[in-house]
Amino acid sequence: MPDFNGKTLLVTGLNGFVCAVLGKYVLSKGYKLRGTVRRLESIDDIIKGPLATYKDRVEIVLIPNMTAPGAFDEAVIGVDGIFHVATPVDFSKSSWLDVVVPAVDGSLNLLASALKKCDSRLTSVVVTGSGNTVCPMMCSDMRQGYVYTEKDFQDGAVDAFINLGKGDPLASSSAYIASKVKAEQAVWQWRDENNPPFAVSMIIPHNILGGTLVPAKSPGRLPLSLQLVYQIWANKDVPNKLFGGGFVDVEDVAKAHLWAYENPNVADGERYYAAGGYGPPQAQADFLRNSFPDRKISEGTPKSDYAPGSDWNGRSVWNWYPEGSAQHSGQKLADQARLVFKPLNQSLLETVVGWEKFE
């Protein structure tokens, strides 16, 4: 275990998929971790399990409602960096008031507390965005042959949500996308208006794969992005391709966050699209069948919807975007952060660890 480097980093929503992996990663690099949760019991398995080795450098702060004014005032005091990863997610709700407003208010509350309560120790606030702010969720809505990057922003997602009819089956997912768009817009507007003495940057993960820090107790408790992989693992129909078939490993998302914190002069005011590679459901199914020949795994249409190519790190890969399809570029992170993205093969093998117990 590395020695404590004297710096404390705050991670909001520590019990979440990305948050937990990020928390362990910063601990492994010598930092002290302060994490927020809405319920203390939600963090027990993480604290007593994978973070137990670092127990002397872990502090938990209870914040039942991050949308309440001043909710983060105590949590931010004395920190050197902040990772705002938490966001309210409840797909049973689909109204502007229930979904969009809490996402915006949570982000603004965090930033306001940082400006009001932090001293010069705070050098950087890194906010976790969503790939939904860069590209449409449905492949049919994407510009074929186009390469999506950090320069793209889905402003139209807000109007699309507003124009949906009441009771529309897409209302909850559309509300979530609108909430991520409005929350990010609010962050940048706040930065422009307040000119804070610390850096503000945005890490925008694409579809996230990889192992959870604590094994899920059931398939239904898996993160949504992993539930689609489980559908293949459980020999159900190969799911439709979403988000253009791109992916990023959760550990790469954690690395991108820490790099942004450690390089505030480079990252300040920047968006980074954490799009690690191409891994559509069919490629996942083909790889998992070959890797686990004794299992019955969804077949789909083998060897379709991907082609050999060169990834963002210049490596030859078997699973790349077919010619003429929309692509999602992680080139900026590969170049600036020197981030070597985890390949699909490794990410999938780590994703399915322990899934045999679900049977």
Protein backbone atom coordinates (compact mmCIF):
# COMPACT_ATOMS: atom_id res chain seq x y z
CA MET A 1 0.00 0.00 0.00
CA PRO A 2 1.47 3.39 -0.96
CA ASP A 3 2.20 5.98 1.69
CA PHE A 4 -0.32 8.78 2.24
CA ASN A 5 0.64 11.71 0.01
CA GLY A 6 -1.04 14.32 2.23
CA LYS A 7 -3.92 15.09 -0.11
CA THR A 8 -7.64 14.40 0.30
CA LEU A 9 -9.99 13.83 -2.61
CA LEU A 10 -13.78 13.91 -2.41
CA VAL A 11 -15.88 11.48 -4.45
CA THR A 12 -19.64 12.04 -4.43
CA GLY A 13 -21.90 8.98 -4.47
CA LEU A 14 -19.19 6.55 -3.38
CA ASN A 15 -21.44 3.48 -3.54
CA GLY A 16 -22.01 3.84 -7.29
CA PHE A 17 -20.37 1.75 -10.03
CA VAL A 18 -17.90 4.36 -11.29
CA CYS A 19 -17.57 6.10 -7.92
CA ALA A 20 -16.46 2.99 -6.06
CA VAL A 21 -13.85 2.06 -8.65
CA LEU A 22 -12.61 5.65 -8.69
CA GLY A 23 -12.45 5.66 -4.89
CA LYS A 24 -10.27 2.58 -4.75
CA TYR A 25 -8.08 3.92 -7.55
CA VAL A 26 -7.27 7.19 -5.80
CA LEU A 27 -6.51 5.28 -2.59
CA SER A 28 -4.10 3.07 -4.52
CA LYS A 29 -2.27 6.23 -5.61
CA GLY A 30 -1.68 7.43 -2.05
CA TYR A 31 -4.58 9.84 -1.57
CA LYS A 32 -7.03 10.00 1.32
CA LEU A 33 -10.61 9.37 0.21
CA ARG A 34 -13.66 11.22 1.42
CA GLY A 35 -16.87 9.82 -0.03
CA THR A 36 -20.48 10.92 0.17
CA VAL A 37 -23.50 8.61 0.31
CA ARG A 38 -27.22 9.06 0.80
CA ARG A 39 -27.50 6.04 3.11
CA LEU A 40 -24.68 4.73 5.30
CA GLU A 41 -25.74 1.11 4.88
CA SER A 42 -25.26 1.39 1.11
CA ILE A 43 -21.49 1.59 1.56
CA ASP A 44 -20.97 -1.24 4.08
CA ASP A 45 -19.94 -3.92 1.58
CA ILE A 46 -17.42 -1.60 -0.06
CA ILE A 47 -15.87 -0.35 3.18
CA LYS A 48 -15.62 -3.81 4.73
CA GLY A 49 -14.50 -5.43 1.48
CA PRO A 50 -12.25 -3.89 -1.20
CA LEU A 51 -11.50 -0.71 0.77
CA ALA A 52 -10.74 -2.42 4.08
CA THR A 53 -7.00 -2.29 3.41
CA TYR A 54 -7.23 1.50 3.29
CA LYS A 55 -9.63 1.96 6.21
CA ASP A 56 -7.41 4.56 7.91
CA ARG A 57 -7.61 6.75 4.81
CA VAL A 58 -11.35 6.51 4.14
CA GLU A 59 -13.94 8.94 5.48
CA ILE A 60 -17.67 8.76 4.75
CA VAL A 61 -20.00 11.77 4.80
CA LEU A 62 -23.76 11.31 4.87
CA ILE A 63 -25.68 13.59 2.48
CA PRO A 64 -29.30 12.36 2.27
CA ASN A 65 -30.31 15.02 -0.24
CA MET A 66 -27.66 16.63 -2.39
CA THR A 67 -30.19 19.05 -3.87
CA ALA A 68 -30.68 20.79 -0.52
CA PRO A 69 -28.93 24.19 -0.35
CA GLY A 70 -25.58 23.84 1.41
CA ALA A 71 -25.72 20.04 1.25
CA PHE A 72 -22.00 19.76 0.46
CA ASP A 73 -20.77 22.56 2.74
CA GLU A 74 -19.17 20.28 5.32
CA ALA A 75 -18.04 17.59 2.89
CA VAL A 76 -15.84 19.91 0.81
CA ILE A 77 -13.91 21.52 3.67
CA GLY A 78 -10.19 20.78 3.49
CA VAL A 79 -10.17 18.78 0.25
CA ASP A 80 -7.57 19.12 -2.50
CA GLY A 81 -9.78 17.86 -5.29
CA ILE A 82 -13.40 16.97 -5.96
CA PHE A 83 -14.91 14.35 -8.25
CA HIS A 84 -18.62 14.98 -8.66
CA VAL A 85 -19.83 11.64 -9.95
CA ALA A 86 -23.18 11.26 -8.18
CA THR A 87 -26.39 12.08 -9.97
CA PRO A 88 -29.98 11.28 -9.00
CA VAL A 89 -31.23 8.38 -11.15
CA ASP A 90 -34.78 7.08 -10.87
CA PHE A 91 -36.22 5.65 -14.07
CA SER A 92 -39.64 5.36 -12.46
CA LYS A 93 -39.88 9.15 -12.77
CA SER A 94 -40.06 11.18 -15.95
CA SER A 95 -41.02 14.76 -15.13
CA TRP A 96 -38.81 17.82 -15.42
CA LEU A 97 -39.23 18.55 -11.72
CA ASP A 98 -38.40 15.01 -10.60
CA VAL A 99 -35.46 14.30 -12.92
CA VAL A 100 -33.92 17.38 -14.52
CA VAL A 101 -34.11 19.82 -11.61
CA PRO A 102 -32.36 17.51 -9.08
CA ALA A 103 -29.48 16.83 -11.49
CA VAL A 104 -28.94 20.54 -12.09
CA ASP A 105 -29.35 21.52 -8.45
CA GLY A 106 -26.99 18.80 -7.23
CA SER A 107 -24.20 20.00 -9.51
CA LEU A 108 -24.71 23.67 -8.69
CA ASN A 109 -24.85 22.95 -4.95
CA LEU A 110 -21.54 21.14 -5.12
CA LEU A 111 -19.87 23.98 -7.02
CA ALA A 112 -21.34 26.63 -4.72
CA SER A 113 -20.05 24.80 -1.65
CA ALA A 114 -16.61 24.43 -3.21
CA LEU A 115 -16.41 28.15 -3.93
CA LYS A 116 -17.73 29.14 -0.50
CA LYS A 117 -16.04 26.64 1.81
CA CYS A 118 -12.79 25.55 0.17
CA ASP A 119 -9.45 27.30 0.51
CA SER A 120 -6.50 27.42 -1.87
CA ARG A 121 -5.86 23.71 -1.37
CA LEU A 122 -8.65 22.95 -3.82
CA THR A 123 -7.13 22.94 -7.29
CA SER A 124 -9.67 21.04 -9.35
CA VAL A 125 -13.29 19.93 -9.60
CA VAL A 126 -13.84 17.12 -12.09
CA VAL A 127 -17.46 16.47 -13.02
CA THR A 128 -18.68 13.21 -14.53
CA GLY A 129 -20.84 13.80 -17.57
CA SER A 130 -22.66 11.38 -19.84
CA GLY A 131 -22.13 10.14 -23.36
CA ASN A 132 -25.75 11.13 -23.94
CA THR A 133 -24.57 14.74 -24.07
CA VAL A 134 -22.28 13.92 -27.01
CA CYS A 135 -24.34 11.58 -29.17
CA PRO A 136 -27.90 10.24 -29.51
CA MET A 137 -28.71 7.02 -27.71
CA MET A 138 -30.29 5.38 -30.76
CA CYS A 139 -27.96 4.41 -33.59
CA SER A 140 -30.64 5.35 -36.12
CA ASP A 141 -30.37 8.96 -34.94
CA MET A 142 -26.60 9.14 -35.43
CA ARG A 143 -24.82 10.68 -38.39
CA GLN A 144 -23.39 7.74 -40.28
CA GLY A 145 -19.75 8.13 -41.25
CA TYR A 146 -19.31 10.87 -38.64
CA VAL A 147 -16.81 10.78 -35.76
CA TYR A 148 -18.34 12.03 -32.50
CA THR A 149 -15.96 13.89 -30.19
CA GLU A 150 -16.01 16.26 -27.22
CA LYS A 151 -16.92 19.05 -29.62
CA ASP A 152 -20.40 17.57 -30.12
CA PHE A 153 -23.24 18.50 -27.79
CA GLN A 154 -26.80 17.21 -27.93
CA ASP A 155 -28.68 20.43 -27.19
CA GLY A 156 -31.70 19.03 -28.99
CA ALA A 157 -32.18 16.35 -26.33
CA VAL A 158 -33.90 18.87 -24.07
CA ASP A 159 -36.45 19.90 -26.69
CA ALA A 160 -36.97 16.24 -27.60
CA PHE A 161 -37.91 15.49 -24.00
CA ILE A 162 -40.17 18.53 -23.69
CA ASN A 163 -42.02 17.58 -26.88
CA LEU A 164 -42.75 14.01 -25.80
CA GLY A 165 -46.38 13.24 -25.13
CA LYS A 166 -47.48 12.39 -21.61
CA GLY A 167 -47.03 8.68 -20.90
CA ASP A 168 -44.62 8.16 -23.79
CA PRO A 169 -42.61 4.94 -23.20
CA LEU A 170 -39.39 6.87 -23.85
CA ALA A 171 -40.21 9.53 -21.26
CA SER A 172 -37.98 8.23 -18.45
CA SER A 173 -34.89 7.68 -20.62
CA SER A 174 -35.47 10.97 -22.42
CA ALA A 175 -35.78 12.77 -19.08
CA TYR A 176 -32.49 11.25 -17.91
CA ILE A 177 -30.71 12.41 -21.07
CA ALA A 178 -32.20 15.89 -20.74
CA SER A 179 -31.04 16.01 -17.11
CA LYS A 180 -27.44 15.24 -18.10
CA VAL A 181 -27.51 17.88 -20.84
CA LYS A 182 -28.95 20.57 -18.57
CA ALA A 183 -26.63 19.66 -15.68
CA GLU A 184 -23.56 20.00 -17.88
CA GLN A 185 -24.81 23.27 -19.34
CA ALA A 186 -25.32 24.53 -15.78
CA VAL A 187 -21.75 23.59 -14.82
CA TRP A 188 -20.20 25.52 -17.69
CA GLN A 189 -22.47 28.52 -17.16
CA TRP A 190 -21.54 28.55 -13.46
CA ARG A 191 -17.84 28.45 -14.34
CA ASP A 192 -18.22 31.35 -16.79
CA GLU A 193 -20.15 33.46 -14.30
CA ASN A 194 -18.05 32.75 -11.19
CA ASN A 195 -14.52 32.44 -12.55
CA PRO A 196 -13.52 30.08 -9.70
CA PRO A 197 -9.90 29.85 -8.46
CA PHE A 198 -9.93 26.11 -9.17
CA ALA A 199 -10.09 24.18 -12.44
CA VAL A 200 -13.39 22.73 -13.66
CA SER A 201 -13.35 19.91 -16.17
CA MET A 202 -15.71 17.25 -17.47
CA ILE A 203 -15.08 13.54 -18.06
CA ILE A 204 -17.77 12.10 -20.33
CA PRO A 205 -17.85 8.28 -20.29
CA HIS A 206 -19.26 6.32 -23.19
CA ASN A 207 -21.06 3.03 -22.49
CA ILE A 208 -19.23 1.63 -19.44
CA LEU A 209 -18.10 -1.99 -19.10
CA GLY A 210 -15.82 -3.66 -16.56
CA GLY A 211 -15.99 -5.32 -13.19
CA THR A 212 -17.93 -3.92 -10.27
CA LEU A 213 -15.89 -3.29 -7.12
CA VAL A 214 -18.35 -5.38 -5.09
CA PRO A 215 -20.16 -8.28 -6.82
CA ALA A 216 -23.82 -7.62 -7.49
CA LYS A 217 -26.24 -9.75 -5.49
CA SER A 218 -28.44 -10.43 -8.53
CA PRO A 219 -28.50 -9.59 -12.27
CA GLY A 220 -31.09 -6.92 -11.59
CA ARG A 221 -28.63 -5.15 -9.29
CA LEU A 222 -26.00 -4.81 -11.99
CA PRO A 223 -25.38 -1.36 -13.48
CA LEU A 224 -27.65 -0.83 -16.49
CA SER A 225 -24.79 -0.99 -18.98
CA LEU A 226 -23.77 -4.38 -17.60
CA GLN A 227 -27.30 -5.76 -17.63
CA LEU A 228 -27.12 -5.73 -21.43
CA VAL A 229 -23.96 -7.85 -21.28
CA TYR A 230 -25.69 -10.20 -18.86
CA GLN A 231 -28.50 -10.64 -21.38
CA ILE A 232 -25.89 -12.14 -23.73
CA TRP A 233 -24.24 -14.15 -20.95
CA ALA A 234 -27.63 -15.62 -19.97
CA ASN A 235 -28.28 -16.80 -23.55
CA LYS A 236 -31.10 -14.38 -24.21
CA ASP A 237 -31.50 -12.38 -27.41
CA VAL A 238 -28.51 -10.27 -28.38
CA PRO A 239 -29.68 -6.74 -27.46
CA ASN A 240 -29.94 -3.90 -29.92
CA LYS A 241 -26.87 -1.74 -30.32
CA LEU A 242 -27.08 1.51 -28.36
CA PHE A 243 -24.75 4.51 -28.24
CA GLY A 244 -23.18 3.44 -31.53
CA GLY A 245 -21.71 0.29 -30.02
CA GLY A 246 -18.81 2.06 -28.35
CA PHE A 247 -17.57 1.31 -24.85
CA VAL A 248 -15.05 2.30 -22.20
CA ASP A 249 -13.79 0.29 -19.25
CA VAL A 250 -14.68 1.60 -15.80
CA GLU A 251 -11.03 1.59 -14.70
CA ASP A 252 -10.14 3.84 -17.64
CA VAL A 253 -12.89 6.21 -16.54
CA ALA A 254 -11.27 6.34 -13.09
CA LYS A 255 -7.84 6.99 -14.60
CA ALA A 256 -9.23 9.82 -16.72
CA HIS A 257 -10.73 11.49 -13.65
CA LEU A 258 -7.51 11.37 -11.66
CA TRP A 259 -5.49 12.63 -14.62
CA ALA A 260 -7.83 15.63 -14.97
CA TYR A 261 -7.41 16.42 -11.26
CA GLU A 262 -3.63 16.10 -11.40
CA ASN A 263 -3.35 18.27 -14.52
CA PRO A 264 -5.62 21.27 -13.79
CA ASN A 265 -3.75 23.65 -16.08
CA VAL A 266 -4.40 21.36 -19.04
CA ALA A 267 -7.89 20.13 -18.15
CA ASP A 268 -9.49 23.38 -16.94
CA GLY A 269 -12.52 24.22 -19.06
CA GLU A 270 -12.18 21.05 -21.12
CA ARG A 271 -14.49 18.18 -21.97
CA TYR A 272 -13.00 14.72 -22.42
CA TYR A 273 -14.96 11.98 -24.18
CA ALA A 274 -13.96 8.69 -22.55
CA ALA A 275 -14.73 6.48 -25.53
CA GLY A 276 -12.32 3.57 -25.36
CA GLY A 277 -13.22 1.50 -28.38
CA TYR A 278 -15.89 -0.38 -30.27
CA GLY A 279 -17.66 -3.29 -28.63
CA PRO A 280 -21.19 -3.80 -29.99
CA PRO A 281 -23.38 -6.56 -28.56
CA GLN A 282 -22.54 -8.91 -31.44
CA ALA A 283 -18.80 -8.58 -30.80
CA GLN A 284 -19.46 -9.20 -27.10
CA ALA A 285 -21.47 -12.33 -27.89
CA ASP A 286 -18.83 -13.70 -30.27
CA PHE A 287 -15.99 -13.12 -27.82
CA LEU A 288 -17.84 -14.57 -24.82
CA ARG A 289 -18.87 -17.69 -26.76
CA ASN A 290 -15.26 -18.29 -27.81
CA SER A 291 -13.99 -17.64 -24.28
CA PHE A 292 -16.56 -19.85 -22.54
CA PRO A 293 -17.19 -22.74 -24.97
CA ASP A 294 -18.99 -24.82 -22.33
CA ARG A 295 -21.63 -22.15 -21.75
CA LYS A 296 -24.73 -21.46 -23.80
CA ILE A 297 -24.25 -17.85 -24.82
CA SER A 298 -26.34 -15.80 -27.22
CA GLU A 299 -25.35 -16.31 -30.84
CA GLY A 300 -27.03 -13.52 -32.78
CA THR A 301 -25.45 -13.14 -36.22
CA PRO A 302 -21.81 -14.14 -35.68
CA LYS A 303 -18.96 -12.06 -37.10
CA SER A 304 -21.23 -9.21 -38.14
CA ASP A 305 -21.34 -5.50 -37.24
CA TYR A 306 -17.60 -5.13 -36.66
CA ALA A 307 -14.38 -5.28 -38.66
CA PRO A 308 -10.60 -5.28 -38.15
CA GLY A 309 -9.14 -1.83 -37.61
CA SER A 310 -6.85 0.41 -35.59
CA ASP A 311 -7.97 1.81 -32.24
CA TRP A 312 -7.37 5.21 -30.60
CA ASN A 313 -4.02 3.98 -29.26
CA GLY A 314 -2.90 2.83 -32.70
CA ARG A 315 -3.27 -0.88 -31.91
CA SER A 316 -4.61 -3.37 -34.44
CA VAL A 317 -7.89 -4.81 -33.14
CA TRP A 318 -10.38 -7.37 -34.43
CA ASN A 319 -13.41 -5.38 -33.28
CA TRP A 320 -13.57 -1.94 -34.85
CA TYR A 321 -16.21 0.28 -36.40
CA PRO A 322 -17.43 -0.96 -39.80
CA GLU A 323 -16.67 1.34 -42.70
CA GLY A 324 -19.20 4.15 -43.02
CA SER A 325 -20.62 3.83 -39.49
CA ALA A 326 -20.69 6.53 -36.82
CA GLN A 327 -17.63 6.43 -34.58
CA HIS A 328 -16.93 7.70 -31.06
CA SER A 329 -13.46 9.07 -30.48
CA GLY A 330 -11.37 8.84 -27.34
CA GLN A 331 -8.39 10.30 -29.18
CA LYS A 332 -8.17 13.43 -27.02
CA LEU A 333 -7.72 11.40 -23.82
CA ALA A 334 -5.34 9.01 -25.57
CA ASP A 335 -3.20 11.95 -26.69
CA GLN A 336 -3.36 14.36 -23.74
CA ALA A 337 -3.63 11.92 -20.83
CA ARG A 338 -1.57 9.21 -22.55
CA LEU A 339 -4.41 6.91 -21.56
CA VAL A 340 -4.08 3.41 -23.00
CA PHE A 341 -7.64 2.15 -23.20
CA LYS A 342 -8.40 -1.36 -21.99
CA PRO A 343 -9.36 -3.62 -24.94
CA LEU A 344 -12.78 -5.21 -25.19
CA ASN A 345 -11.47 -8.74 -24.52
CA GLN A 346 -10.00 -7.81 -21.14
CA SER A 347 -12.90 -5.57 -20.16
CA LEU A 348 -15.47 -8.30 -20.88
CA LEU A 349 -13.55 -10.96 -18.95
CA GLU A 350 -13.46 -8.64 -15.94
CA THR A 351 -17.13 -7.75 -16.42
CA VAL A 352 -18.41 -11.32 -16.09
CA VAL A 353 -16.31 -12.37 -13.08
CA GLY A 354 -18.59 -14.09 -10.57
CA TRP A 355 -21.65 -14.20 -12.79
CA GLU A 356 -21.87 -18.00 -12.53
CA LYS A 357 -23.41 -17.51 -9.08
CA PHE A 358 -26.52 -15.99 -10.68
CA GLU A 359 -27.54 -19.39 -12.08
